[in-house]
Amino acid sequence: MVNSNKKYILTAEGYTKLKENIKKLGDEVKNIGIKKGEAAGPSSDWHDNPAYEELDSQERMFLQRLAALKDKLSMAEIVNLPTNSEYVEIGSTVRILLLKNNKEQNFIITDPELVDPSENKISYQSPVGSKLISKKIGEIIDLPTGPIKILDIRV
């Protein structure tokens, strides 16, 4: 059951991606159902049938994942991308300074559906992302890996 008070914050792009993932997973569940029928054969024999049992296990796993994605969709709240760079928000590009080694790093704060470490896209729910949200240029934030300073915020 979904907690109606809980929100799952998404950008419009993240919302679209979540809907696409639900459709793909739904299609996969349908395909597994067809394969289960084929594995059972004309007599619908599923007892002691390893191929059927494997497909049945996959189907249950995919149905659980599909239910979780549908729960996220039901809790989704779409946010607009930021229009100013005073505070870190979902959609902000943040340049930080790692104070322990004086190295700079850039992050794009995004929703969980758009996370891509290869593009430095981190979720607002991640340990670093959650600490950056609502912060301003010049603020110093303590992380488990050491303190960081926000150098720049871009939209």
Protein backbone atom coordinates (compact mmCIF):
# COMPACT_ATOMS: atom_id res chain seq x y z
CA MET A 1 0.00 0.00 0.00
CA VAL A 2 1.25 3.46 -0.88
CA ASN A 3 1.78 6.11 1.76
CA SER A 4 -0.22 8.98 0.25
CA ASN A 5 1.78 11.54 2.24
CA LYS A 6 5.10 10.48 0.76
CA LYS A 7 6.25 12.22 -2.41
CA TYR A 8 8.67 11.03 -5.04
CA ILE A 9 10.14 14.18 -6.58
CA LEU A 10 10.86 13.94 -10.31
CA THR A 11 11.67 16.23 -13.18
CA ALA A 12 9.45 15.98 -16.25
CA GLU A 13 12.23 13.98 -17.94
CA GLY A 14 12.49 11.62 -14.95
CA TYR A 15 8.71 11.14 -14.93
CA THR A 16 8.76 10.23 -18.63
CA LYS A 17 11.64 7.80 -18.07
CA LEU A 18 9.80 6.15 -15.17
CA LYS A 19 6.69 5.69 -17.33
CA GLU A 20 8.84 4.20 -20.13
CA ASN A 21 10.45 1.79 -17.66
CA ILE A 22 7.02 0.70 -16.42
CA LYS A 23 5.89 0.02 -19.98
CA LYS A 24 9.05 -1.94 -20.81
CA LEU A 25 8.77 -4.00 -17.66
CA GLY A 26 5.07 -4.63 -18.30
CA ASP A 27 5.91 -5.85 -21.81
CA GLU A 28 8.59 -8.13 -20.37
CA VAL A 29 6.09 -9.61 -17.89
CA LYS A 30 3.72 -10.33 -20.79
CA ASN A 31 6.53 -12.02 -22.75
CA ILE A 32 7.43 -14.17 -19.76
CA GLY A 33 3.77 -15.19 -19.43
CA ILE A 34 3.80 -16.34 -23.06
CA LYS A 35 7.06 -18.25 -22.52
CA LYS A 36 5.60 -19.88 -19.39
CA GLY A 37 2.68 -21.13 -21.44
CA GLU A 38 5.06 -22.53 -24.05
CA ALA A 39 7.23 -24.15 -21.37
CA ALA A 40 4.19 -25.80 -19.78
CA GLY A 41 3.25 -27.30 -23.14
CA PRO A 42 -0.19 -28.33 -24.39
CA SER A 43 -0.98 -30.25 -21.22
CA SER A 44 -0.20 -27.19 -19.06
CA ASP A 45 2.19 -29.36 -17.08
CA TRP A 46 4.12 -27.13 -14.72
CA HIS A 47 4.96 -29.73 -12.05
CA ASP A 48 8.65 -30.66 -11.99
CA ASN A 49 9.27 -28.46 -15.03
CA PRO A 50 12.55 -26.52 -14.50
CA ALA A 51 12.00 -24.20 -17.47
CA TYR A 52 8.53 -23.28 -16.23
CA GLU A 53 9.71 -22.83 -12.65
CA GLU A 54 12.55 -20.53 -13.76
CA LEU A 55 10.17 -18.39 -15.82
CA ASP A 56 7.69 -18.32 -12.95
CA SER A 57 10.43 -17.09 -10.62
CA GLN A 58 11.43 -14.38 -13.14
CA GLU A 59 7.82 -13.33 -13.53
CA ARG A 60 7.33 -12.94 -9.76
CA MET A 61 10.52 -10.88 -9.51
CA PHE A 62 9.48 -8.63 -12.41
CA LEU A 63 5.97 -8.21 -11.00
CA GLN A 64 7.44 -7.05 -7.68
CA ARG A 65 9.68 -4.57 -9.50
CA LEU A 66 6.72 -3.40 -11.59
CA ALA A 67 4.63 -2.84 -8.45
CA ALA A 68 7.45 -0.81 -6.90
CA LEU A 69 7.75 1.37 -10.03
CA LYS A 70 3.98 1.90 -10.11
CA ASP A 71 4.10 2.94 -6.44
CA LYS A 72 6.79 5.50 -7.31
CA LEU A 73 4.64 6.79 -10.16
CA SER A 74 1.63 7.15 -7.86
CA MET A 75 3.74 9.23 -5.45
CA ALA A 76 5.40 11.28 -8.20
CA GLU A 77 5.45 15.03 -7.96
CA ILE A 78 6.96 16.82 -10.94
CA VAL A 79 9.16 19.81 -10.15
CA ASN A 80 10.25 22.55 -12.48
CA LEU A 81 13.93 22.94 -13.19
CA PRO A 82 15.55 25.87 -11.39
CA THR A 83 15.51 29.32 -12.94
CA ASN A 84 18.11 30.94 -10.70
CA SER A 85 21.35 29.84 -9.14
CA GLU A 86 21.02 31.20 -5.62
CA TYR A 87 20.38 27.77 -4.04
CA VAL A 88 21.13 24.20 -5.09
CA GLU A 89 17.97 22.56 -6.44
CA ILE A 90 17.09 19.55 -8.55
CA GLY A 91 18.54 20.39 -11.96
CA SER A 92 21.41 22.52 -10.61
CA THR A 93 24.98 21.97 -11.68
CA VAL A 94 27.18 22.42 -8.64
CA ARG A 95 30.94 22.96 -8.62
CA ILE A 96 32.49 21.99 -5.32
CA LEU A 97 35.95 22.04 -3.79
CA LEU A 98 37.10 19.02 -1.82
CA LEU A 99 38.88 20.80 1.01
CA LYS A 100 41.04 17.86 2.09
CA ASN A 101 42.87 17.67 -1.26
CA ASN A 102 41.95 20.98 -2.93
CA LYS A 103 40.33 19.25 -5.95
CA GLU A 104 37.27 20.55 -7.75
CA GLN A 105 34.37 18.42 -8.86
CA ASN A 106 31.09 19.07 -10.67
CA PHE A 107 27.76 17.39 -9.98
CA ILE A 108 24.37 17.68 -11.61
CA ILE A 109 21.66 17.19 -9.02
CA THR A 110 18.86 15.16 -10.54
CA ASP A 111 16.01 12.87 -9.63
CA PRO A 112 16.65 9.16 -8.99
CA GLU A 113 15.40 8.13 -12.45
CA LEU A 114 18.12 10.12 -14.23
CA VAL A 115 21.19 9.20 -12.15
CA ASP A 116 24.25 8.58 -14.32
CA PRO A 117 27.63 8.50 -12.56
CA SER A 118 29.45 8.65 -15.90
CA GLU A 119 27.92 12.12 -16.42
CA ASN A 120 28.28 13.16 -12.74
CA LYS A 121 24.48 13.09 -12.36
CA ILE A 122 23.62 12.32 -8.74
CA SER A 123 20.26 11.99 -7.04
CA TYR A 124 18.95 14.57 -4.63
CA GLN A 125 18.37 11.53 -2.38
CA SER A 126 22.03 10.42 -2.43
CA PRO A 127 24.27 11.18 0.56
CA VAL A 128 26.06 14.01 -1.29
CA GLY A 129 22.99 15.26 -3.18
CA SER A 130 20.85 15.47 -0.06
CA LYS A 131 23.54 17.53 1.69
CA LEU A 132 23.83 19.93 -1.27
CA ILE A 133 20.11 20.65 -1.71
CA SER A 134 19.15 24.18 -0.54
CA LYS A 135 22.76 25.24 0.05
CA LYS A 136 24.31 28.46 -1.29
CA ILE A 137 27.64 29.38 -2.88
CA GLY A 138 30.38 29.58 -0.26
CA GLU A 139 28.77 27.18 2.20
CA ILE A 140 30.97 24.46 3.65
CA ILE A 141 29.38 21.05 4.12
CA ASP A 142 30.77 18.16 6.15
CA LEU A 143 30.62 14.81 4.39
CA PRO A 144 31.92 11.46 5.63
CA THR A 145 34.74 11.79 3.07
CA GLY A 146 35.65 15.26 4.34
CA PRO A 147 34.45 18.84 4.07
CA ILE A 148 33.48 20.44 0.77
CA LYS A 149 32.83 24.03 -0.25
CA ILE A 150 30.26 25.07 -2.85
CA LEU A 151 32.08 27.19 -5.43
CA ASP A 152 29.40 27.70 -8.07
CA ILE A 153 25.78 26.86 -8.85
CA ARG A 154 24.51 26.90 -12.43
CA VAL A 155 21.10 26.20 -13.92
